[in-house]
Amino acid sequence: MSTEGTVEREVKLGVWPGFALPDLRGTFDGVVAGAPQERRLEAVYFDTPDLRLLRRGVTLRFRRGEEPQELWTVKLAEEAPAVGLSRREISVPSGPSTIPVALEDLVRGWALGDSLVPVARLRTVRNRTILRGHNRAPVAEIDDDEVSILQGSRVAARFRELEVELIDGAPPKLLDRVAGQLRAAGAQPVDQIPKVVRALGPSALAPWDLAVPELGARPTAAELITAGLIASAARLVDHIAIVVLDEDVEGVHQARVGIRRLRSDLWTARSLLDHGVVRSLRRELRWLMGHFGEVRDLDVLLERLPKDLRLLDQYARGGAEDVLAEGAKDRAAAYEALRGALRTQRCGDLLGETARIATAPPFKGRAVQNPAAEVVPKLVKKPLADLRRDAKKLGPAPDDESLHRLRIDAKRVRYATELAAPVVGKKARQAARGLAQVQDVLGDHHDATAAAVRLRALGPRTGPAGVWAAGLLGGLAIARAAEDRDRFQSVWARAAAAERWRWAE
C-alpha cells in the first residue's frame, strides 16, 4: 500500500471562547484571508496502554471529516535521531476497523511488542481560513479548533486552539508574521504538543522508556552500563521506522549497529550480570541481526557495483546490468524476510525484553555500585588481551576467515572502550578511534570478499555476458580485498601501540 509523506511547519496558540481572528490583510506581500469554512472532525488515537508512542512523540490516529475519505495517519517524532523523520506525516486511506499494516509496521518498534488500542477520542469543530498570496495561490492555513474530549458518549473536557501551518513553498517568515498578529490580538503561546497529548495529560508527557539517563560526574558502574545499554536499544528501536520506509539504507545499518553494540556491551559486562538472562537475550538479538545482516550485505554490494561497472568495457557493462538486476531481486527478497521477522511475535517479545533489560539490567554482586572509573576499564582488559593474542597468531599472510574473526574481536574491544570512555576520557576515545580504523579496513576487506562470493552465485543466473561481467567484478573485489589485507598490518600496529592502552592494563 502506498503512503504519502509531508513535513509540517506549524505553530499552535491558545485562545478563549470569544476570540475572533484579526484582519490579516497585508501580513506579508499582499496576503489575503478567505472566509472561514467549518468542518466537523472525529479522531481516534491508538497507542499502547501505557502510551509508549506518545511518550516518544509519535501519534497514530484514525480520522474522518477532514479529507474526502477516511484516513489513518502517523506523525513521527521530532527528536528521534533516525534519518529523515522530522515531524513527518504519513497517511493511508482506510476504514476504521483495522489499522493499516503499513502504519502498524511503522510504529512497531516504538510499541516494544505491546498491542495497539484506542486511547483517546476527540471531536473537533474546525473553522479553516486559507491565506492566499499575490498570485492567489494558498500560502498558509489557520485552523480554529474547538476540541471536545470524549469518554464514551460524554464530553469530559473542552479546549480551543489555533494552528497556523505553512503550505509547501510559502516563505518561512510568513509563519512568524501571522503568529505575531494573532498574539497581538490576544492569542497565547501554548506548548507545541499534539491535541491528544493535551487531552491525555501528564501520562502522555512521562519520559520515554528508552530515554538515555544523564550521568553525573562520578557514575557508578551500574549507571554507566545501564546508560550504554539504553542508548544501543534506542538506536535499534528508533531506526525500525526508517527500515520500514526503506528510503535510506542507513536505517538497516544503524538498526544493526544498535543490535551489535547491545550484544557487545552485554558480553563485556557479563561478569556483573545474570548470565542466564543475558545469554538468552543475546541469542535472540543474534537471530534478528541475521535478518538485518542479509539486507545490509546486499545494500553494500549494490552500492559498490555501479562504481565498479564504470571500469568495464561496453560488452561487460551490459552483462553487469543483468547481475545488478539479480542482486536487486535478492535484496528485495531479503528485505521482505526482514519485514516478516519484524512482524512476528518473537520480534515483539524481543523488543519488549530488550527494553526491560536495558533499563533494568540484571546486575549481580556489589561491584556494580562502585565508581565506574574503578570497575569498567577492567572489563576491557581481557577482550583486549584476547585481541592482541589473536592478532599475533595471524602471521604475515592471514587468511580471509581469520581476518573476519579478528574484525569481530576488534569491534567488541572498540565498543567496550567506548563504553568506558565517559569515565576514562581522552585516552579511551583515542584508543577507540584507532580500533575504528582497524574495523574500517577489515570491514572493507570483508565486504570485498563477501562480494566476490556473492558474484559467483549471481553470474550463473544471467546469460554469458552476465557470467563474464560477474567474473570481472569479482576480480575487482578480490583485488580490493588484497589491498585491504596489505593495509591491515600498519593500521593495526598504530591501534595496538602499548601507550594507547595503559589505562586498561
Protein backbone atom coordinates (compact mmCIF):
# COMPACT_ATOMS: atom_id res chain seq x y z
CA MET A 1 0.00 0.00 0.00
CA SER A 2 1.38 3.40 -0.95
CA THR A 3 1.93 6.11 1.65
CA GLU A 4 2.10 9.88 1.45
CA GLY A 5 4.63 11.90 3.43
CA THR A 6 4.82 15.58 4.35
CA VAL A 7 6.86 17.68 6.76
CA GLU A 8 4.91 20.15 8.91
CA ARG A 9 5.80 23.80 9.53
CA GLU A 10 3.30 24.99 12.09
CA VAL A 11 2.68 26.85 15.33
CA LYS A 12 -0.11 26.40 17.89
CA LEU A 13 -1.72 29.16 20.00
CA GLY A 14 -4.33 29.04 22.73
CA VAL A 15 -7.48 31.23 22.62
CA TRP A 16 -10.60 31.78 24.75
CA PRO A 17 -14.21 31.09 23.62
CA GLY A 18 -14.92 34.68 22.45
CA PHE A 19 -11.71 35.17 20.44
CA ALA A 20 -12.10 36.39 16.83
CA LEU A 21 -9.43 36.30 14.12
CA PRO A 22 -7.94 39.74 13.38
CA ASP A 23 -7.76 41.24 9.89
CA LEU A 24 -4.71 39.59 8.30
CA ARG A 25 -4.61 41.61 5.08
CA GLY A 26 -1.14 42.81 4.23
CA THR A 27 0.54 40.44 6.64
CA PHE A 28 3.11 39.53 4.00
CA ASP A 29 3.37 40.77 0.40
CA GLY A 30 -0.33 41.15 -0.30
CA VAL A 31 -1.54 38.09 1.63
CA VAL A 32 -5.35 37.98 1.96
CA ALA A 33 -7.58 35.73 4.08
CA GLY A 34 -10.58 33.88 2.71
CA ALA A 35 -13.85 33.23 4.53
CA PRO A 36 -13.69 30.51 7.23
CA GLN A 37 -15.01 27.10 6.29
CA GLU A 38 -16.42 24.85 9.00
CA ARG A 39 -15.67 21.15 9.24
CA ARG A 40 -16.56 18.58 11.87
CA LEU A 41 -13.86 16.04 12.59
CA GLU A 42 -13.68 12.91 14.66
CA ALA A 43 -10.34 11.32 15.54
CA VAL A 44 -9.50 8.14 17.43
CA TYR A 45 -5.91 7.79 18.65
CA PHE A 46 -4.21 4.43 19.08
CA ASP A 47 -1.28 3.61 21.30
CA THR A 48 -0.06 1.01 23.74
CA PRO A 49 -1.93 1.03 27.08
CA ASP A 50 0.98 2.89 28.71
CA LEU A 51 1.29 5.41 25.81
CA ARG A 52 4.69 4.32 24.52
CA LEU A 53 4.19 6.03 21.16
CA LEU A 54 3.08 9.36 22.57
CA ARG A 55 5.90 9.36 25.09
CA ARG A 56 8.29 9.11 22.13
CA GLY A 57 6.48 11.93 20.33
CA VAL A 58 4.71 9.63 17.85
CA THR A 59 0.96 9.64 17.16
CA LEU A 60 -1.22 7.15 15.29
CA ARG A 61 -4.80 8.19 14.57
CA PHE A 62 -7.88 7.41 12.51
CA ARG A 63 -9.81 10.50 11.38
CA ARG A 64 -12.91 11.25 9.37
CA GLY A 65 -14.30 14.61 8.25
CA GLU A 66 -11.12 16.37 7.10
CA GLU A 67 -10.28 14.60 3.85
CA PRO A 68 -12.67 13.24 1.20
CA GLN A 69 -12.02 9.75 2.57
CA GLU A 70 -11.41 8.26 5.99
CA LEU A 71 -7.72 8.41 6.76
CA TRP A 72 -5.16 6.83 9.08
CA THR A 73 -2.12 8.98 9.85
CA VAL A 74 1.15 8.51 11.70
CA LYS A 75 3.04 11.61 12.84
CA LEU A 76 6.64 10.72 13.58
CA ALA A 77 8.80 12.07 16.36
CA GLU A 78 10.53 15.45 16.09
CA GLU A 79 13.54 14.40 18.15
CA ALA A 80 14.09 10.78 17.13
CA PRO A 81 17.60 10.57 15.64
CA ALA A 82 16.56 8.33 12.77
CA VAL A 83 17.30 9.79 9.34
CA GLY A 84 14.60 11.94 7.77
CA LEU A 85 11.89 11.62 10.41
CA SER A 86 11.45 15.28 11.44
CA ARG A 87 7.76 15.56 12.37
CA ARG A 88 6.77 13.73 9.24
CA GLU A 89 3.19 12.73 8.47
CA ILE A 90 2.44 9.50 6.64
CA SER A 91 -1.17 8.76 5.74
CA VAL A 92 -3.08 5.79 4.33
CA PRO A 93 -6.76 5.90 3.27
CA SER A 94 -8.67 3.11 5.03
CA GLY A 95 -11.73 2.39 7.15
CA PRO A 96 -11.86 2.36 10.96
CA SER A 97 -11.98 -1.39 11.54
CA THR A 98 -8.28 -2.24 11.17
CA ILE A 99 -5.01 -0.33 11.45
CA PRO A 100 -3.30 -0.42 8.02
CA VAL A 101 -0.37 -2.82 8.07
CA ALA A 102 1.95 -0.18 6.57
CA LEU A 103 1.38 2.13 9.55
CA GLU A 104 1.37 -0.62 12.17
CA ASP A 105 4.77 -1.68 10.84
CA LEU A 106 5.97 1.91 11.06
CA VAL A 107 5.31 2.22 14.80
CA ARG A 108 6.04 -1.39 15.70
CA GLY A 109 9.47 -0.65 17.14
CA TRP A 110 8.24 2.08 19.47
CA ALA A 111 5.40 -0.16 20.70
CA LEU A 112 8.09 -2.52 22.10
CA GLY A 113 5.97 -5.59 21.46
CA ASP A 114 2.78 -4.30 23.09
CA SER A 115 -0.62 -4.19 21.39
CA LEU A 116 -2.14 -1.01 19.98
CA VAL A 117 -5.52 0.03 21.44
CA PRO A 118 -7.74 3.15 21.32
CA VAL A 119 -6.54 5.60 23.98
CA ALA A 120 -8.41 8.82 23.13
CA ARG A 121 -11.35 10.03 21.07
CA LEU A 122 -11.56 13.69 20.05
CA ARG A 123 -14.35 15.57 18.30
CA THR A 124 -13.33 18.86 16.70
CA VAL A 125 -15.31 21.73 15.19
CA ARG A 126 -12.76 23.28 12.83
CA ASN A 127 -13.03 26.64 11.12
CA ARG A 128 -10.32 26.82 8.48
CA THR A 129 -9.14 30.09 6.99
CA ILE A 130 -6.95 29.95 3.87
CA LEU A 131 -4.34 32.67 3.36
CA ARG A 132 -3.50 33.40 -0.28
CA GLY A 133 -0.60 35.29 -1.79
CA HIS A 134 -0.50 37.89 -4.53
CA ASN A 135 -0.96 35.20 -7.23
CA ARG A 136 -3.99 33.79 -5.34
CA ALA A 137 -2.11 30.59 -4.53
CA PRO A 138 -2.62 29.25 -0.96
CA VAL A 139 0.34 30.01 1.31
CA ALA A 140 -0.96 29.08 4.78
CA GLU A 141 -3.90 27.65 6.70
CA ILE A 142 -5.27 28.81 10.05
CA ASP A 143 -7.32 26.18 11.82
CA ASP A 144 -9.52 27.47 14.65
CA ASP A 145 -10.34 24.28 16.56
CA GLU A 146 -12.78 23.70 19.38
CA VAL A 147 -11.86 20.27 20.68
CA SER A 148 -14.09 18.01 22.79
CA ILE A 149 -12.51 15.11 24.64
CA LEU A 150 -14.94 12.19 24.72
CA GLN A 151 -15.29 9.42 27.26
CA GLY A 152 -17.84 7.10 25.76
CA SER A 153 -20.66 9.42 24.64
CA ARG A 154 -19.88 12.01 27.32
CA VAL A 155 -17.80 15.17 26.78
CA ALA A 156 -15.15 15.05 29.51
CA ALA A 157 -13.41 18.34 28.67
CA ARG A 158 -13.05 21.03 26.00
CA PHE A 159 -10.31 23.39 24.81
CA ARG A 160 -9.78 25.75 21.88
CA GLU A 161 -6.60 26.37 19.94
CA LEU A 162 -5.36 27.94 16.73
CA GLU A 163 -2.95 26.11 14.47
CA VAL A 164 -1.13 28.03 11.74
CA GLU A 165 0.54 25.83 9.12
CA LEU A 166 2.53 26.92 6.08
CA ILE A 167 1.78 25.33 2.74
CA ASP A 168 4.74 23.97 0.77
CA GLY A 169 6.61 26.77 -0.98
CA ALA A 170 5.45 29.53 1.36
CA PRO A 171 8.17 31.84 2.80
CA PRO A 172 9.17 30.77 6.34
CA LYS A 173 8.89 34.38 7.60
CA LEU A 174 5.15 34.25 6.94
CA LEU A 175 4.64 31.91 9.89
CA ASP A 176 6.24 34.40 12.29
CA ARG A 177 4.25 37.32 10.85
CA VAL A 178 0.87 35.58 11.13
CA ALA A 179 1.61 34.22 14.60
CA GLY A 180 2.70 37.71 15.70
CA GLN A 181 -0.59 39.27 14.58
CA LEU A 182 -2.60 36.55 16.30
CA ARG A 183 -0.67 37.08 19.53
CA ALA A 184 -1.26 40.84 19.24
CA ALA A 185 -4.99 40.07 19.08
CA GLY A 186 -4.79 38.11 22.33
CA ALA A 187 -3.86 34.55 21.34
CA GLN A 188 -1.48 33.00 23.86
CA PRO A 189 1.55 30.76 23.32
CA VAL A 190 0.94 27.14 24.31
CA ASP A 191 3.13 24.07 24.39
CA GLN A 192 3.66 22.87 20.82
CA ILE A 193 2.22 19.45 21.52
CA PRO A 194 -0.41 17.37 19.71
CA LYS A 195 -4.04 17.74 20.75
CA VAL A 196 -4.11 14.17 22.01
CA VAL A 197 -1.26 14.91 24.42
CA ARG A 198 -3.24 17.82 25.85
CA ALA A 199 -6.24 15.53 26.11
CA LEU A 200 -4.44 12.72 27.93
CA GLY A 201 -2.47 14.94 30.27
CA PRO A 202 0.68 14.14 32.29
CA SER A 203 0.75 10.43 31.46
CA ALA A 204 1.49 11.31 27.82
CA LEU A 205 4.37 13.54 28.88
CA ALA A 206 6.17 10.96 31.02
CA PRO A 207 9.72 10.03 29.89
CA TRP A 208 10.09 7.57 27.04
CA ASP A 209 11.01 4.01 28.03
CA LEU A 210 14.43 4.28 26.36
CA ALA A 211 15.32 7.86 27.25
CA VAL A 212 19.06 7.75 27.97
CA PRO A 213 19.75 8.94 31.53
CA GLU A 214 22.22 11.73 32.14
CA LEU A 215 25.33 10.62 34.01
CA GLY A 216 26.69 12.51 36.98
CA ALA A 217 30.32 13.45 37.49
CA ARG A 218 31.10 10.13 39.21
CA PRO A 219 28.65 7.49 37.94
CA THR A 220 28.60 4.00 39.35
CA ALA A 221 29.39 1.04 37.13
CA ALA A 222 25.68 0.19 37.13
CA GLU A 223 24.73 3.68 35.97
CA LEU A 224 27.31 3.74 33.18
CA ILE A 225 26.47 0.28 31.87
CA THR A 226 22.73 0.97 32.02
CA ALA A 227 23.13 4.20 30.05
CA GLY A 228 25.14 2.35 27.39
CA LEU A 229 22.57 -0.44 27.07
CA ILE A 230 19.69 2.04 26.81
CA ALA A 231 21.48 4.06 24.10
CA SER A 232 22.03 0.93 21.99
CA ALA A 233 18.46 -0.28 22.45
CA ALA A 234 17.15 3.18 21.49
CA ARG A 235 19.29 3.16 18.33
CA LEU A 236 17.68 -0.11 17.27
CA VAL A 237 14.12 0.93 18.08
CA ASP A 238 14.32 4.42 16.57
CA HIS A 239 15.61 3.10 13.24
CA ILE A 240 12.93 0.46 12.68
CA ALA A 241 10.69 3.14 11.13
CA ILE A 242 13.45 4.00 8.63
CA VAL A 243 13.78 0.30 7.82
CA VAL A 244 10.04 0.10 7.15
CA LEU A 245 10.04 3.20 4.93
CA ASP A 246 13.04 1.73 3.06
CA GLU A 247 14.10 5.12 1.72
CA ASP A 248 17.60 5.20 3.20
CA VAL A 249 19.97 2.26 3.62
CA GLU A 250 21.23 3.86 6.84
CA GLY A 251 18.09 2.60 8.55
CA VAL A 252 19.14 -1.04 8.24
CA HIS A 253 22.76 -0.17 9.00
CA GLN A 254 22.03 1.81 12.16
CA ALA A 255 19.50 -0.69 13.50
CA ARG A 256 22.08 -3.42 13.03
CA VAL A 257 24.72 -1.31 14.79
CA GLY A 258 22.32 -0.92 17.70
CA ILE A 259 21.96 -4.70 17.97
CA ARG A 260 25.71 -5.29 17.72
CA ARG A 261 26.52 -2.71 20.37
CA LEU A 262 23.88 -4.10 22.66
CA ARG A 263 25.17 -7.66 22.31
CA SER A 264 28.74 -6.47 22.74
CA ASP A 265 28.03 -4.43 25.88
CA LEU A 266 26.11 -7.33 27.42
CA TRP A 267 29.12 -9.55 26.71
CA THR A 268 31.60 -7.01 28.09
CA ALA A 269 29.65 -6.65 31.34
CA ARG A 270 28.77 -10.35 31.64
CA SER A 271 30.74 -10.80 34.89
CA LEU A 272 28.42 -8.24 36.51
CA LEU A 273 25.16 -9.62 35.08
CA ASP A 274 22.93 -12.67 35.47
CA HIS A 275 24.44 -14.97 32.87
CA GLY A 276 21.27 -16.89 32.01
CA VAL A 277 19.20 -13.78 31.28
CA VAL A 278 21.96 -12.16 29.24
CA ARG A 279 22.67 -15.31 27.22
CA SER A 280 19.01 -15.67 26.25
CA LEU A 281 18.72 -12.05 25.12
CA ARG A 282 21.97 -12.16 23.16
CA ARG A 283 20.79 -15.30 21.37
CA GLU A 284 17.53 -13.66 20.31
CA LEU A 285 19.31 -10.48 19.22
CA ARG A 286 21.60 -12.60 17.07
CA TRP A 287 18.54 -14.08 15.34
CA LEU A 288 17.22 -10.63 14.46
CA MET A 289 20.67 -9.37 13.47
CA GLY A 290 20.87 -12.17 10.91
CA HIS A 291 17.87 -10.73 9.05
CA PHE A 292 19.33 -7.23 9.14
CA GLY A 293 22.73 -8.57 8.07
CA GLU A 294 21.49 -10.17 4.87
CA VAL A 295 19.86 -6.93 3.74
CA ARG A 296 22.87 -4.86 4.77
CA ASP A 297 25.34 -7.07 2.85
CA LEU A 298 23.26 -6.69 -0.31
CA ASP A 299 22.93 -2.93 0.20
CA VAL A 300 26.72 -2.66 0.37
CA LEU A 301 27.11 -4.79 -2.74
CA LEU A 302 24.52 -2.87 -4.76
CA GLU A 303 26.08 0.44 -3.74
CA ARG A 304 29.55 -0.70 -4.84
CA LEU A 305 28.77 -2.43 -8.13
CA PRO A 306 27.73 0.67 -10.11
CA LYS A 307 31.11 2.24 -9.26
CA ASP A 308 32.97 -0.86 -10.49
CA LEU A 309 30.75 -1.09 -13.55
CA ARG A 310 32.31 2.10 -14.94
CA LEU A 311 35.65 0.26 -15.17
CA LEU A 312 34.26 -2.37 -17.58
CA ASP A 313 34.07 -2.31 -21.36
CA GLN A 314 30.77 -1.89 -23.18
CA TYR A 315 30.12 -5.63 -23.58
CA ALA A 316 30.74 -6.36 -19.91
CA ARG A 317 28.60 -3.43 -18.80
CA GLY A 318 25.54 -4.95 -20.42
CA GLY A 319 26.11 -8.17 -18.53
CA ALA A 320 26.82 -6.27 -15.32
CA GLU A 321 23.39 -4.67 -15.51
CA ASP A 322 21.90 -8.17 -15.51
CA VAL A 323 24.00 -9.05 -12.46
CA LEU A 324 22.79 -5.90 -10.71
CA ALA A 325 19.19 -6.83 -11.50
CA GLU A 326 19.66 -10.28 -9.94
CA GLY A 327 21.25 -8.71 -6.89
CA ALA A 328 18.30 -6.35 -6.57
CA LYS A 329 15.94 -9.35 -6.62
CA ASP A 330 17.90 -10.93 -3.77
CA ARG A 331 17.79 -7.67 -1.86
CA ALA A 332 14.02 -7.41 -2.29
CA ALA A 333 13.57 -10.98 -1.03
CA ALA A 334 15.88 -10.37 1.95
CA TYR A 335 14.04 -7.16 2.78
CA GLU A 336 10.67 -8.89 2.74
CA ALA A 337 12.08 -11.59 5.03
CA LEU A 338 13.26 -8.85 7.39
CA ARG A 339 9.84 -7.14 7.34
CA GLY A 340 8.26 -10.51 8.05
CA ALA A 341 10.59 -11.08 11.00
CA LEU A 342 9.76 -7.64 12.43
CA ARG A 343 6.05 -8.54 12.35
CA THR A 344 6.44 -11.74 14.35
CA GLN A 345 5.50 -12.22 17.98
CA ARG A 346 9.06 -13.38 18.52
CA CYS A 347 10.37 -9.97 17.47
CA GLY A 348 7.77 -8.16 19.56
CA ASP A 349 8.75 -10.18 22.61
CA LEU A 350 12.42 -9.50 21.86
CA LEU A 351 11.91 -5.72 21.67
CA GLY A 352 10.00 -5.75 24.93
CA GLU A 353 12.66 -7.83 26.66
CA THR A 354 15.40 -5.64 25.21
CA ALA A 355 13.82 -2.53 26.71
CA ARG A 356 13.21 -4.25 30.04
CA ILE A 357 16.79 -5.49 30.42
CA ALA A 358 18.38 -2.32 29.06
CA THR A 359 16.53 -0.12 31.56
CA ALA A 360 16.88 -2.53 34.50
CA PRO A 361 19.89 -4.80 33.83
CA PRO A 362 20.03 -8.00 35.94
CA PHE A 363 23.10 -6.96 37.92
CA LYS A 364 24.63 -9.25 40.50
CA GLY A 365 27.12 -8.58 43.26
CA ARG A 366 28.15 -5.31 44.90
CA ALA A 367 30.85 -4.23 42.45
CA VAL A 368 28.30 -2.51 40.20
CA GLN A 369 27.71 0.08 42.91
CA ASN A 370 31.38 1.06 42.91
CA PRO A 371 32.58 4.02 40.82
CA ALA A 372 32.56 3.21 37.10
CA ALA A 373 36.08 4.62 36.80
CA GLU A 374 37.30 1.75 39.01
CA VAL A 375 35.23 -1.07 37.52
CA VAL A 376 34.57 -0.54 33.81
CA PRO A 377 38.16 -0.10 32.50
CA LYS A 378 38.94 -3.53 33.96
CA LEU A 379 36.23 -5.03 31.76
CA VAL A 380 38.31 -4.05 28.70
CA LYS A 381 41.45 -5.87 29.86
CA LYS A 382 40.57 -9.47 28.93
CA PRO A 383 38.99 -8.83 25.48
CA LEU A 384 41.99 -6.60 24.69
CA ALA A 385 44.40 -9.38 25.65
CA ASP A 386 42.43 -11.87 23.52
CA LEU A 387 42.50 -9.47 20.57
CA ARG A 388 46.26 -8.98 20.82
CA ARG A 389 46.84 -12.71 21.10
CA ASP A 390 44.71 -13.48 18.05
CA ALA A 391 46.37 -10.72 16.03
CA LYS A 392 49.79 -12.15 16.89
CA LYS A 393 48.69 -15.58 15.66
CA LEU A 394 47.76 -14.21 12.24
CA GLY A 395 51.28 -14.12 10.90
CA PRO A 396 52.40 -12.17 7.81
CA ALA A 397 49.81 -13.68 5.42
CA PRO A 398 46.46 -14.05 7.25
CA ASP A 399 43.60 -15.83 5.53
CA ASP A 400 40.22 -14.18 4.97
CA GLU A 401 38.36 -16.07 7.69
CA SER A 402 40.95 -15.21 10.34
CA LEU A 403 40.74 -11.53 9.43
CA HIS A 404 36.96 -11.68 9.67
CA ARG A 405 37.13 -13.17 13.17
CA LEU A 406 39.68 -10.54 14.19
CA ARG A 407 37.36 -7.82 12.90
CA ILE A 408 34.62 -9.09 15.20
CA ASP A 409 37.03 -9.14 18.15
CA ALA A 410 38.27 -5.63 17.35
CA LYS A 411 34.73 -4.35 17.19
CA ARG A 412 33.97 -5.84 20.59
CA VAL A 413 37.01 -4.18 22.17
CA ARG A 414 36.16 -0.89 20.49
CA TYR A 415 32.61 -0.95 21.87
CA ALA A 416 33.92 -1.84 25.33
CA THR A 417 36.38 1.05 25.10
CA GLU A 418 33.63 3.45 24.07
CA LEU A 419 31.55 2.21 27.00
CA ALA A 420 34.41 3.16 29.32
CA ALA A 421 35.17 6.47 27.61
CA PRO A 422 32.82 8.67 29.70
CA VAL A 423 34.87 7.87 32.82
CA VAL A 424 38.32 7.29 31.26
CA GLY A 425 38.26 10.30 28.96
CA LYS A 426 40.56 11.26 26.10
CA LYS A 427 42.81 8.19 26.27
CA ALA A 428 39.91 5.81 25.79
CA ARG A 429 38.47 7.88 22.95
CA GLN A 430 41.84 7.86 21.16
CA ALA A 431 42.14 4.10 21.61
CA ALA A 432 38.61 3.61 20.26
CA ARG A 433 39.40 5.73 17.19
CA GLY A 434 42.41 3.55 16.46
CA LEU A 435 40.28 0.42 16.60
CA ALA A 436 37.67 2.10 14.44
CA GLN A 437 40.32 2.47 11.74
CA VAL A 438 41.18 -1.22 12.08
CA GLN A 439 37.50 -2.02 11.87
CA ASP A 440 37.11 0.10 8.73
CA VAL A 441 39.98 -1.69 6.95
CA LEU A 442 38.78 -5.15 7.96
CA GLY A 443 35.20 -4.16 7.19
CA ASP A 444 36.20 -3.17 3.66
CA HIS A 445 38.08 -6.45 3.38
CA HIS A 446 35.07 -8.44 4.48
CA ASP A 447 32.74 -6.55 2.11
CA ALA A 448 35.09 -7.28 -0.79
CA THR A 449 35.44 -11.00 -0.04
CA ALA A 450 31.70 -11.32 0.54
CA ALA A 451 31.05 -9.55 -2.77
CA ALA A 452 33.29 -11.97 -4.62
CA VAL A 453 31.41 -14.95 -3.16
CA ARG A 454 28.01 -13.49 -3.96
CA LEU A 455 29.02 -12.54 -7.51
CA ARG A 456 29.96 -16.17 -8.15
CA ALA A 457 26.37 -17.06 -7.33
CA LEU A 458 24.76 -14.19 -9.25
CA GLY A 459 26.64 -14.66 -12.52
CA PRO A 460 25.23 -18.09 -13.48
CA ARG A 461 21.69 -16.72 -13.06
CA THR A 462 22.27 -14.46 -16.10
CA GLY A 463 23.44 -15.02 -19.66
CA PRO A 464 27.04 -15.40 -20.93
CA ALA A 465 27.65 -11.64 -20.75
CA GLY A 466 26.50 -11.63 -17.14
CA VAL A 467 28.78 -14.53 -16.24
CA TRP A 468 31.71 -12.69 -17.81
CA ALA A 469 30.81 -9.43 -16.04
CA ALA A 470 30.37 -11.18 -12.69
CA GLY A 471 33.84 -12.67 -13.09
CA LEU A 472 35.38 -9.29 -13.84
CA LEU A 473 33.55 -7.63 -10.94
CA GLY A 474 34.57 -10.47 -8.66
CA GLY A 475 38.18 -9.98 -9.73
CA LEU A 476 37.99 -6.31 -8.80
CA ALA A 477 36.58 -7.29 -5.41
CA ILE A 478 39.39 -9.78 -4.82
CA ALA A 479 41.94 -7.12 -5.74
CA ARG A 480 40.40 -4.70 -3.22
CA ALA A 481 40.49 -7.39 -0.56
CA ALA A 482 44.21 -7.90 -1.21
CA GLU A 483 44.85 -4.17 -0.84
CA ASP A 484 42.95 -4.11 2.45
CA ARG A 485 44.94 -7.11 3.67
CA ASP A 486 48.15 -5.22 2.95
CA ARG A 487 46.89 -2.10 4.75
CA PHE A 488 45.88 -4.03 7.84
CA GLN A 489 49.29 -4.52 9.45
CA SER A 490 50.24 -0.84 9.59
CA VAL A 491 46.80 0.24 10.81
CA TRP A 492 46.83 -2.48 13.46
CA ALA A 493 50.32 -1.56 14.65
CA ARG A 494 49.22 2.01 15.35
CA ALA A 495 45.97 0.96 17.04
CA ALA A 496 47.67 -1.67 19.24
CA ALA A 497 50.54 0.53 20.42
CA ALA A 498 51.08 -0.04 24.15
CA GLU A 499 50.89 3.64 25.11
CA ARG A 500 47.28 3.77 23.88
CA TRP A 501 46.13 1.09 26.29
CA ARG A 502 47.91 1.68 29.62
CA TRP A 503 44.61 2.85 31.15
CA ALA A 504 43.16 -0.64 30.60
CA GLU A 505 46.11 -2.68 31.87
